[in-house]
Amino acid sequence: MSAELLKHMAFHAACAAVFIFVLNYYILKTELESAVFWAIGFGAMAAGLAYQQSKRSGS
């Protein structure tokens, strides 16, 4: 895995995690623990999707 791919995956994971955390904690008013678990889960899924997409496009 190249450094560029890792940076791409980390960016997608961070963006998804922040979005889901803000949505859960501030808008839906869930507990902190629940919001963090959802953020970790969605961040991992976003990183996986970014990895798959990079392999499909050939970049």
PDB file of N, CA and C in Angstrom:
ATOM      1  N   MET A   1       0.846  -1.179   0.000  1.00  0.00           N
ATOM      2  CA  MET A   1       0.000   0.000   0.000  1.00  0.00           C
ATOM      3  C   MET A   1       0.887   1.237   0.000  1.00  0.00           C
ATOM      4  N   SER A   2       0.540   2.154  -0.863  1.00  0.00           N
ATOM      5  CA  SER A   2       1.341   3.366  -0.960  1.00  0.00           C
ATOM      6  C   SER A   2       0.904   4.377   0.096  1.00  0.00           C
ATOM      7  N   ALA A   3       1.754   5.346   0.309  1.00  0.00           N
ATOM      8  CA  ALA A   3       1.446   6.397   1.277  1.00  0.00           C
ATOM      9  C   ALA A   3       0.256   7.229   0.812  1.00  0.00           C
ATOM     10  N   GLU A   4       0.149   7.413  -0.500  1.00  0.00           N
ATOM     11  CA  GLU A   4      -0.978   8.184  -1.047  1.00  0.00           C
ATOM     12  C   GLU A   4      -2.306   7.462  -0.784  1.00  0.00           C
ATOM     13  N   LEU A   5      -2.320   6.155  -0.934  1.00  0.00           N
ATOM     14  CA  LEU A   5      -3.538   5.377  -0.676  1.00  0.00           C
ATOM     15  C   LEU A   5      -3.898   5.415   0.807  1.00  0.00           C
ATOM     16  N   LEU A   6      -2.912   5.299   1.668  1.00  0.00           N
ATOM     17  CA  LEU A   6      -3.178   5.375   3.105  1.00  0.00           C
ATOM     18  C   LEU A   6      -3.727   6.738   3.501  1.00  0.00           C
ATOM     19  N   LYS A   7      -3.189   7.794   2.898  1.00  0.00           N
ATOM     20  CA  LYS A   7      -3.678   9.139   3.175  1.00  0.00           C
ATOM     21  C   LYS A   7      -5.121   9.293   2.693  1.00  0.00           C
ATOM     22  N   HIS A   8      -5.420   8.750   1.542  1.00  0.00           N
ATOM     23  CA  HIS A   8      -6.770   8.793   0.973  1.00  0.00           C
ATOM     24  C   HIS A   8      -7.756   8.053   1.882  1.00  0.00           C
ATOM     25  N   MET A   9      -7.369   6.878   2.343  1.00  0.00           N
ATOM     26  CA  MET A   9      -8.225   6.090   3.232  1.00  0.00           C
ATOM     27  C   MET A   9      -8.429   6.791   4.571  1.00  0.00           C
ATOM     28  N   ALA A  10      -7.369   7.363   5.118  1.00  0.00           N
ATOM     29  CA  ALA A  10      -7.468   8.054   6.402  1.00  0.00           C
ATOM     30  C   ALA A  10      -8.358   9.285   6.297  1.00  0.00           C
ATOM     31  N   PHE A  11      -8.266   9.998   5.192  1.00  0.00           N
ATOM     32  CA  PHE A  11      -9.114  11.168   4.991  1.00  0.00           C
ATOM     33  C   PHE A  11     -10.587  10.779   4.955  1.00  0.00           C
ATOM     34  N   HIS A  12     -10.914   9.731   4.214  1.00  0.00           N
ATOM     35  CA  HIS A  12     -12.302   9.282   4.135  1.00  0.00           C
ATOM     36  C   HIS A  12     -12.801   8.779   5.492  1.00  0.00           C
ATOM     37  N   ALA A  13     -11.956   8.053   6.196  1.00  0.00           N
ATOM     38  CA  ALA A  13     -12.345   7.543   7.510  1.00  0.00           C
ATOM     39  C   ALA A  13     -12.590   8.678   8.490  1.00  0.00           C
ATOM     40  N   ALA A  14     -11.726   9.669   8.493  1.00  0.00           N
ATOM     41  CA  ALA A  14     -11.884  10.795   9.416  1.00  0.00           C
ATOM     42  C   ALA A  14     -13.135  11.609   9.098  1.00  0.00           C
ATOM     43  N   CYS A  15     -13.369  11.867   7.825  1.00  0.00           N
ATOM     44  CA  CYS A  15     -14.561  12.636   7.443  1.00  0.00           C
ATOM     45  C   CYS A  15     -15.837  11.912   7.834  1.00  0.00           C
ATOM     46  N   ALA A  16     -15.908  10.622   7.563  1.00  0.00           N
ATOM     47  CA  ALA A  16     -17.105   9.854   7.911  1.00  0.00           C
ATOM     48  C   ALA A  16     -17.287   9.791   9.422  1.00  0.00           C
ATOM     49  N   ALA A  17     -16.201   9.586  10.148  1.00  0.00           N
ATOM     50  CA  ALA A  17     -16.293   9.479  11.602  1.00  0.00           C
ATOM     51  C   ALA A  17     -16.759  10.791  12.225  1.00  0.00           C
ATOM     52  N   VAL A  18     -16.215  11.897  11.761  1.00  0.00           N
ATOM     53  CA  VAL A  18     -16.627  13.200  12.301  1.00  0.00           C
ATOM     54  C   VAL A  18     -18.094  13.475  11.978  1.00  0.00           C
ATOM     55  N   PHE A  19     -18.499  13.186  10.753  1.00  0.00           N
ATOM     56  CA  PHE A  19     -19.889  13.416  10.366  1.00  0.00           C
ATOM     57  C   PHE A  19     -20.854  12.602  11.226  1.00  0.00           C
ATOM     58  N   ILE A  20     -20.581  11.315  11.393  1.00  0.00           N
ATOM     59  CA  ILE A  20     -21.474  10.451  12.165  1.00  0.00           C
ATOM     60  C   ILE A  20     -21.450  10.843  13.641  1.00  0.00           C
ATOM     61  N   PHE A  21     -20.287  11.220  14.161  1.00  0.00           N
ATOM     62  CA  PHE A  21     -20.221  11.635  15.558  1.00  0.00           C
ATOM     63  C   PHE A  21     -21.066  12.882  15.800  1.00  0.00           C
ATOM     64  N   VAL A  22     -20.910  13.878  14.936  1.00  0.00           N
ATOM     65  CA  VAL A  22     -21.684  15.120  15.091  1.00  0.00           C
ATOM     66  C   VAL A  22     -23.172  14.833  14.949  1.00  0.00           C
ATOM     67  N   LEU A  23     -23.532  14.008  13.982  1.00  0.00           N
ATOM     68  CA  LEU A  23     -24.932  13.661  13.789  1.00  0.00           C
ATOM     69  C   LEU A  23     -25.511  12.982  15.025  1.00  0.00           C
ATOM     70  N   ASN A  24     -24.803  12.002  15.547  1.00  0.00           N
ATOM     71  CA  ASN A  24     -25.309  11.258  16.701  1.00  0.00           C
ATOM     72  C   ASN A  24     -25.295  12.073  17.983  1.00  0.00           C
ATOM     73  N   TYR A  25     -24.181  12.679  18.282  1.00  0.00           N
ATOM     74  CA  TYR A  25     -24.015  13.315  19.590  1.00  0.00           C
ATOM     75  C   TYR A  25     -24.739  14.655  19.696  1.00  0.00           C
ATOM     76  N   TYR A  26     -24.608  15.485  18.683  1.00  0.00           N
ATOM     77  CA  TYR A  26     -25.157  16.830  18.780  1.00  0.00           C
ATOM     78  C   TYR A  26     -26.580  16.949  18.224  1.00  0.00           C
ATOM     79  N   ILE A  27     -26.870  16.242  17.156  1.00  0.00           N
ATOM     80  CA  ILE A  27     -28.186  16.388  16.543  1.00  0.00           C
ATOM     81  C   ILE A  27     -29.185  15.389  17.120  1.00  0.00           C
ATOM     82  N   LEU A  28     -28.795  14.121  17.212  1.00  0.00           N
ATOM     83  CA  LEU A  28     -29.703  13.100  17.737  1.00  0.00           C
ATOM     84  C   LEU A  28     -29.644  12.969  19.253  1.00  0.00           C
ATOM     85  N   LYS A  29     -28.669  13.622  19.885  1.00  0.00           N
ATOM     86  CA  LYS A  29     -28.519  13.655  21.350  1.00  0.00           C
ATOM     87  C   LYS A  29     -28.354  12.254  21.972  1.00  0.00           C
ATOM     88  N   THR A  30     -27.541  11.409  21.330  1.00  0.00           N
ATOM     89  CA  THR A  30     -27.253  10.106  21.910  1.00  0.00           C
ATOM     90  C   THR A  30     -26.130  10.248  22.940  1.00  0.00           C
ATOM     91  N   GLU A  31     -25.874   9.166  23.668  1.00  0.00           N
ATOM     92  CA  GLU A  31     -24.796   9.184  24.656  1.00  0.00           C
ATOM     93  C   GLU A  31     -23.441   9.209  23.951  1.00  0.00           C
ATOM     94  N   LEU A  32     -22.440   9.685  24.659  1.00  0.00           N
ATOM     95  CA  LEU A  32     -21.101   9.811  24.096  1.00  0.00           C
ATOM     96  C   LEU A  32     -20.556   8.455  23.638  1.00  0.00           C
ATOM     97  N   GLU A  33     -20.728   7.436  24.455  1.00  0.00           N
ATOM     98  CA  GLU A  33     -20.198   6.108  24.113  1.00  0.00           C
ATOM     99  C   GLU A  33     -20.816   5.587  22.820  1.00  0.00           C
ATOM    100  N   SER A  34     -22.106   5.742  22.682  1.00  0.00           N
ATOM    101  CA  SER A  34     -22.796   5.290  21.476  1.00  0.00           C
ATOM    102  C   SER A  34     -22.321   6.063  20.253  1.00  0.00           C
ATOM    103  N   ALA A  35     -22.180   7.364  20.388  1.00  0.00           N
ATOM    104  CA  ALA A  35     -21.733   8.191  19.264  1.00  0.00           C
ATOM    105  C   ALA A  35     -20.322   7.812  18.828  1.00  0.00           C
ATOM    106  N   VAL A  36     -19.452   7.512  19.790  1.00  0.00           N
ATOM    107  CA  VAL A  36     -18.082   7.121  19.460  1.00  0.00           C
ATOM    108  C   VAL A  36     -18.057   5.769  18.761  1.00  0.00           C
ATOM    109  N   PHE A  37     -18.849   4.817  19.237  1.00  0.00           N
ATOM    110  CA  PHE A  37     -18.896   3.498  18.583  1.00  0.00           C
ATOM    111  C   PHE A  37     -19.398   3.602  17.150  1.00  0.00           C
ATOM    112  N   TRP A  38     -20.435   4.393  16.928  1.00  0.00           N
ATOM    113  CA  TRP A  38     -20.941   4.587  15.570  1.00  0.00           C
ATOM    114  C   TRP A  38     -19.893   5.262  14.701  1.00  0.00           C
ATOM    115  N   ALA A  39     -19.194   6.243  15.235  1.00  0.00           N
ATOM    116  CA  ALA A  39     -18.163   6.947  14.469  1.00  0.00           C
ATOM    117  C   ALA A  39     -17.035   5.999  14.069  1.00  0.00           C
ATOM    118  N   ILE A  40     -16.616   5.149  14.984  1.00  0.00           N
ATOM    119  CA  ILE A  40     -15.555   4.183  14.660  1.00  0.00           C
ATOM    120  C   ILE A  40     -16.022   3.220  13.575  1.00  0.00           C
ATOM    121  N   GLY A  41     -17.245   2.743  13.701  1.00  0.00           N
ATOM    122  CA  GLY A  41     -17.786   1.811  12.713  1.00  0.00           C
ATOM    123  C   GLY A  41     -17.892   2.425  11.326  1.00  0.00           C
ATOM    124  N   PHE A  42     -18.449   3.619  11.251  1.00  0.00           N
ATOM    125  CA  PHE A  42     -18.584   4.259   9.951  1.00  0.00           C
ATOM    126  C   PHE A  42     -17.234   4.677   9.389  1.00  0.00           C
ATOM    127  N   GLY A  43     -16.314   5.059  10.240  1.00  0.00           N
ATOM    128  CA  GLY A  43     -14.971   5.385   9.766  1.00  0.00           C
ATOM    129  C   GLY A  43     -14.281   4.181   9.154  1.00  0.00           C
ATOM    130  N   ALA A  44     -14.425   3.030   9.799  1.00  0.00           N
ATOM    131  CA  ALA A  44     -13.824   1.804   9.261  1.00  0.00           C
ATOM    132  C   ALA A  44     -14.463   1.424   7.927  1.00  0.00           C
ATOM    133  N   MET A  45     -15.777   1.566   7.840  1.00  0.00           N
ATOM    134  CA  MET A  45     -16.447   1.250   6.579  1.00  0.00           C
ATOM    135  C   MET A  45     -16.028   2.212   5.472  1.00  0.00           C
ATOM    136  N   ALA A  46     -15.882   3.479   5.788  1.00  0.00           N
ATOM    137  CA  ALA A  46     -15.463   4.463   4.785  1.00  0.00           C
ATOM    138  C   ALA A  46     -14.046   4.178   4.300  1.00  0.00           C
ATOM    139  N   ALA A  47     -13.175   3.769   5.210  1.00  0.00           N
ATOM    140  CA  ALA A  47     -11.804   3.425   4.803  1.00  0.00           C
ATOM    141  C   ALA A  47     -11.816   2.206   3.883  1.00  0.00           C
ATOM    142  N   GLY A  48     -12.638   1.230   4.209  1.00  0.00           N
ATOM    143  CA  GLY A  48     -12.757   0.048   3.360  1.00  0.00           C
ATOM    144  C   GLY A  48     -13.295   0.375   1.983  1.00  0.00           C
ATOM    145  N   LEU A  49     -14.291   1.234   1.928  1.00  0.00           N
ATOM    146  CA  LEU A  49     -14.834   1.641   0.630  1.00  0.00           C
ATOM    147  C   LEU A  49     -13.823   2.444  -0.179  1.00  0.00           C
ATOM    148  N   ALA A  50     -13.064   3.289   0.472  1.00  0.00           N
ATOM    149  CA  ALA A  50     -12.033   4.051  -0.235  1.00  0.00           C
ATOM    150  C   ALA A  50     -10.976   3.106  -0.799  1.00  0.00           C
ATOM    151  N   TYR A  51     -10.628   2.075  -0.044  1.00  0.00           N
ATOM    152  CA  TYR A  51      -9.653   1.089  -0.520  1.00  0.00           C
ATOM    153  C   TYR A  51     -10.190   0.338  -1.736  1.00  0.00           C
ATOM    154  N   GLN A  52     -11.440  -0.118  -1.646  1.00  0.00           N
ATOM    155  CA  GLN A  52     -12.044  -0.834  -2.767  1.00  0.00           C
ATOM    156  C   GLN A  52     -12.121   0.049  -4.001  1.00  0.00           C
ATOM    157  N   GLN A  53     -12.528   1.272  -3.838  1.00  0.00           N
ATOM    158  CA  GLN A  53     -12.657   2.168  -4.970  1.00  0.00           C
ATOM    159  C   GLN A  53     -11.304   2.450  -5.606  1.00  0.00           C
ATOM    160  N   SER A  54     -10.267   2.564  -4.817  1.00  0.00           N
ATOM    161  CA  SER A  54      -8.933   2.822  -5.392  1.00  0.00           C
ATOM    162  C   SER A  54      -8.460   1.626  -6.209  1.00  0.00           C
ATOM    163  N   LYS A  55      -8.840   0.439  -5.820  1.00  0.00           N
ATOM    164  CA  LYS A  55      -8.449  -0.756  -6.564  1.00  0.00           C
ATOM    165  C   LYS A  55      -9.254  -0.888  -7.854  1.00  0.00           C
ATOM    166  N   ARG A  56     -10.512  -0.444  -7.847  1.00  0.00           N
ATOM    167  CA  ARG A  56     -11.356  -0.512  -9.050  1.00  0.00           C
ATOM    168  C   ARG A  56     -10.917   0.475 -10.114  1.00  0.00           C
ATOM    169  N   SER A  57     -10.569   1.663  -9.692  1.00  0.00           N
ATOM    170  CA  SER A  57     -10.238   2.703 -10.665  1.00  0.00           C
ATOM    171  C   SER A  57      -8.810   2.550 -11.199  1.00  0.00           C
ATOM    172  N   GLY A  58      -8.030   1.722 -10.583  1.00  0.00           N
ATOM    173  CA  GLY A  58      -6.672   1.492 -11.054  1.00  0.00           C
ATOM    174  C   GLY A  58      -5.677   2.559 -10.640  1.00  0.00           C
ATOM    175  N   SER A  59      -6.038   3.389  -9.677  1.00  0.00           N
ATOM    176  CA  SER A  59      -5.104   4.444  -9.254  1.00  0.00           C
ATOM    177  C   SER A  59      -4.232   3.995  -8.123  1.00  0.00           C
TER     178      SER A  59
END
